[in-house]
């Protein structure tokens, strides 16, 4: 199973700041979800997300001017 991990880079710390993970059942859905997340984060679509913790994470990263990144990760069960 592929997942999309959203995280940010705080230049003051060594490790990335963990955000959240979005799971998908197929590679196609994972790629689509990654593109949707990147589009929402680069614009203002993230403000309409139902998940408060996800909105708060993006808001905190943007307020601190941290770079927000996404990456695909293979989850093997």
C-alpha atoms as a PDB file:
ATOM      1  CA  UNK A   1       0.000   0.000   0.000  1.00  0.00           C
ATOM      2  CA  UNK A   2       1.299   3.459  -0.875  1.00  0.00           C
ATOM      3  CA  UNK A   3       0.847   6.427   1.378  1.00  0.00           C
ATOM      4  CA  UNK A   4       1.559  10.119   1.070  1.00  0.00           C
ATOM      5  CA  UNK A   5       3.445  11.668   3.947  1.00  0.00           C
ATOM      6  CA  UNK A   6       3.143  15.408   4.516  1.00  0.00           C
ATOM      7  CA  UNK A   7       5.888  17.017   6.591  1.00  0.00           C
ATOM      8  CA  UNK A   8       7.718  20.288   6.939  1.00  0.00           C
ATOM      9  CA  UNK A   9      11.279  21.431   7.328  1.00  0.00           C
ATOM     10  CA  UNK A  10      12.099  23.612  10.310  1.00  0.00           C
ATOM     11  CA  UNK A  11      15.586  24.951   9.581  1.00  0.00           C
ATOM     12  CA  UNK A  12      16.273  25.157  13.327  1.00  0.00           C
ATOM     13  CA  UNK A  13      16.033  21.415  13.904  1.00  0.00           C
ATOM     14  CA  UNK A  14      17.747  18.407  12.459  1.00  0.00           C
ATOM     15  CA  UNK A  15      14.671  16.211  11.940  1.00  0.00           C
ATOM     16  CA  UNK A  16      11.645  17.072   9.781  1.00  0.00           C
ATOM     17  CA  UNK A  17       8.429  18.103  11.516  1.00  0.00           C
ATOM     18  CA  UNK A  18       5.921  15.274  11.161  1.00  0.00           C
ATOM     19  CA  UNK A  19       2.567  16.302   9.743  1.00  0.00           C
ATOM     20  CA  UNK A  20       0.252  13.521   8.655  1.00  0.00           C
ATOM     21  CA  UNK A  21      -0.078  10.476   6.409  1.00  0.00           C
ATOM     22  CA  UNK A  22      -2.756   9.866   3.791  1.00  0.00           C
ATOM     23  CA  UNK A  23      -3.262   6.238   2.769  1.00  0.00           C
ATOM     24  CA  UNK A  24      -4.390   4.922  -0.620  1.00  0.00           C
ATOM     25  CA  UNK A  25      -5.193   1.412  -1.769  1.00  0.00           C
ATOM     26  CA  UNK A  26      -3.636   1.641  -5.233  1.00  0.00           C
ATOM     27  CA  UNK A  27      -0.646   3.335  -6.781  1.00  0.00           C
ATOM     28  CA  UNK A  28      -2.908   5.380  -9.048  1.00  0.00           C
ATOM     29  CA  UNK A  29      -4.961   6.663  -6.097  1.00  0.00           C
ATOM     30  CA  UNK A  30      -1.792   7.451  -4.139  1.00  0.00           C
ATOM     31  CA  UNK A  31      -0.359   9.513  -6.989  1.00  0.00           C
ATOM     32  CA  UNK A  32      -3.666  11.340  -7.422  1.00  0.00           C
ATOM     33  CA  UNK A  33      -3.931  12.001  -3.670  1.00  0.00           C
ATOM     34  CA  UNK A  34      -0.360  13.329  -3.535  1.00  0.00           C
ATOM     35  CA  UNK A  35      -1.106  15.761  -6.376  1.00  0.00           C
ATOM     36  CA  UNK A  36      -4.357  16.863  -4.682  1.00  0.00           C
ATOM     37  CA  UNK A  37      -2.569  17.478  -1.373  1.00  0.00           C
ATOM     38  CA  UNK A  38       0.219  19.462  -3.049  1.00  0.00           C
ATOM     39  CA  UNK A  39      -2.320  21.587  -4.913  1.00  0.00           C
ATOM     40  CA  UNK A  40      -4.370  22.269  -1.780  1.00  0.00           C
ATOM     41  CA  UNK A  41      -1.269  23.132   0.259  1.00  0.00           C
ATOM     42  CA  UNK A  42       0.180  25.478  -2.357  1.00  0.00           C
ATOM     43  CA  UNK A  43      -3.160  27.277  -2.623  1.00  0.00           C
ATOM     44  CA  UNK A  44      -5.824  27.770   0.006  1.00  0.00           C
ATOM     45  CA  UNK A  45      -7.708  24.488  -0.411  1.00  0.00           C
ATOM     46  CA  UNK A  46      -6.224  23.133   2.819  1.00  0.00           C
ATOM     47  CA  UNK A  47      -8.319  25.666   4.764  1.00  0.00           C
ATOM     48  CA  UNK A  48     -11.435  23.687   3.760  1.00  0.00           C
ATOM     49  CA  UNK A  49     -10.166  20.323   5.022  1.00  0.00           C
ATOM     50  CA  UNK A  50     -12.415  18.679   7.608  1.00  0.00           C
ATOM     51  CA  UNK A  51      -9.456  17.543   9.740  1.00  0.00           C
ATOM     52  CA  UNK A  52      -8.570  20.248  12.270  1.00  0.00           C
ATOM     53  CA  UNK A  53      -5.186  18.706  13.117  1.00  0.00           C
ATOM     54  CA  UNK A  54      -4.202  18.717   9.449  1.00  0.00           C
ATOM     55  CA  UNK A  55      -5.310  22.338   9.009  1.00  0.00           C
ATOM     56  CA  UNK A  56      -3.448  23.328  12.184  1.00  0.00           C
ATOM     57  CA  UNK A  57      -0.272  21.631  10.966  1.00  0.00           C
ATOM     58  CA  UNK A  58      -0.322  23.447   7.622  1.00  0.00           C
ATOM     59  CA  UNK A  59      -1.180  26.760   9.313  1.00  0.00           C
ATOM     60  CA  UNK A  60       1.714  26.376  11.777  1.00  0.00           C
ATOM     61  CA  UNK A  61       4.168  25.503   9.002  1.00  0.00           C
ATOM     62  CA  UNK A  62       3.026  28.456   6.877  1.00  0.00           C
ATOM     63  CA  UNK A  63       3.098  30.858   9.848  1.00  0.00           C
ATOM     64  CA  UNK A  64       6.697  29.822  10.560  1.00  0.00           C
ATOM     65  CA  UNK A  65       7.597  29.920   6.845  1.00  0.00           C
ATOM     66  CA  UNK A  66       8.689  26.274   6.950  1.00  0.00           C
ATOM     67  CA  UNK A  67       8.936  24.431   3.660  1.00  0.00           C
ATOM     68  CA  UNK A  68       6.112  21.889   3.362  1.00  0.00           C
ATOM     69  CA  UNK A  69       6.941  18.674   1.522  1.00  0.00           C
ATOM     70  CA  UNK A  70       5.175  15.492   0.456  1.00  0.00           C
ATOM     71  CA  UNK A  71       6.592  12.096  -0.354  1.00  0.00           C
ATOM     72  CA  UNK A  72       5.273   8.697  -1.305  1.00  0.00           C
ATOM     73  CA  UNK A  73       6.048   5.804   0.991  1.00  0.00           C
ATOM     74  CA  UNK A  74       5.430   2.104   0.547  1.00  0.00           C
ATOM     75  CA  UNK A  75       3.694   0.536   3.536  1.00  0.00           C
ATOM     76  CA  UNK A  76       4.208  -3.215   3.716  1.00  0.00           C
ATOM     77  CA  UNK A  77       1.929  -5.156   6.050  1.00  0.00           C
END
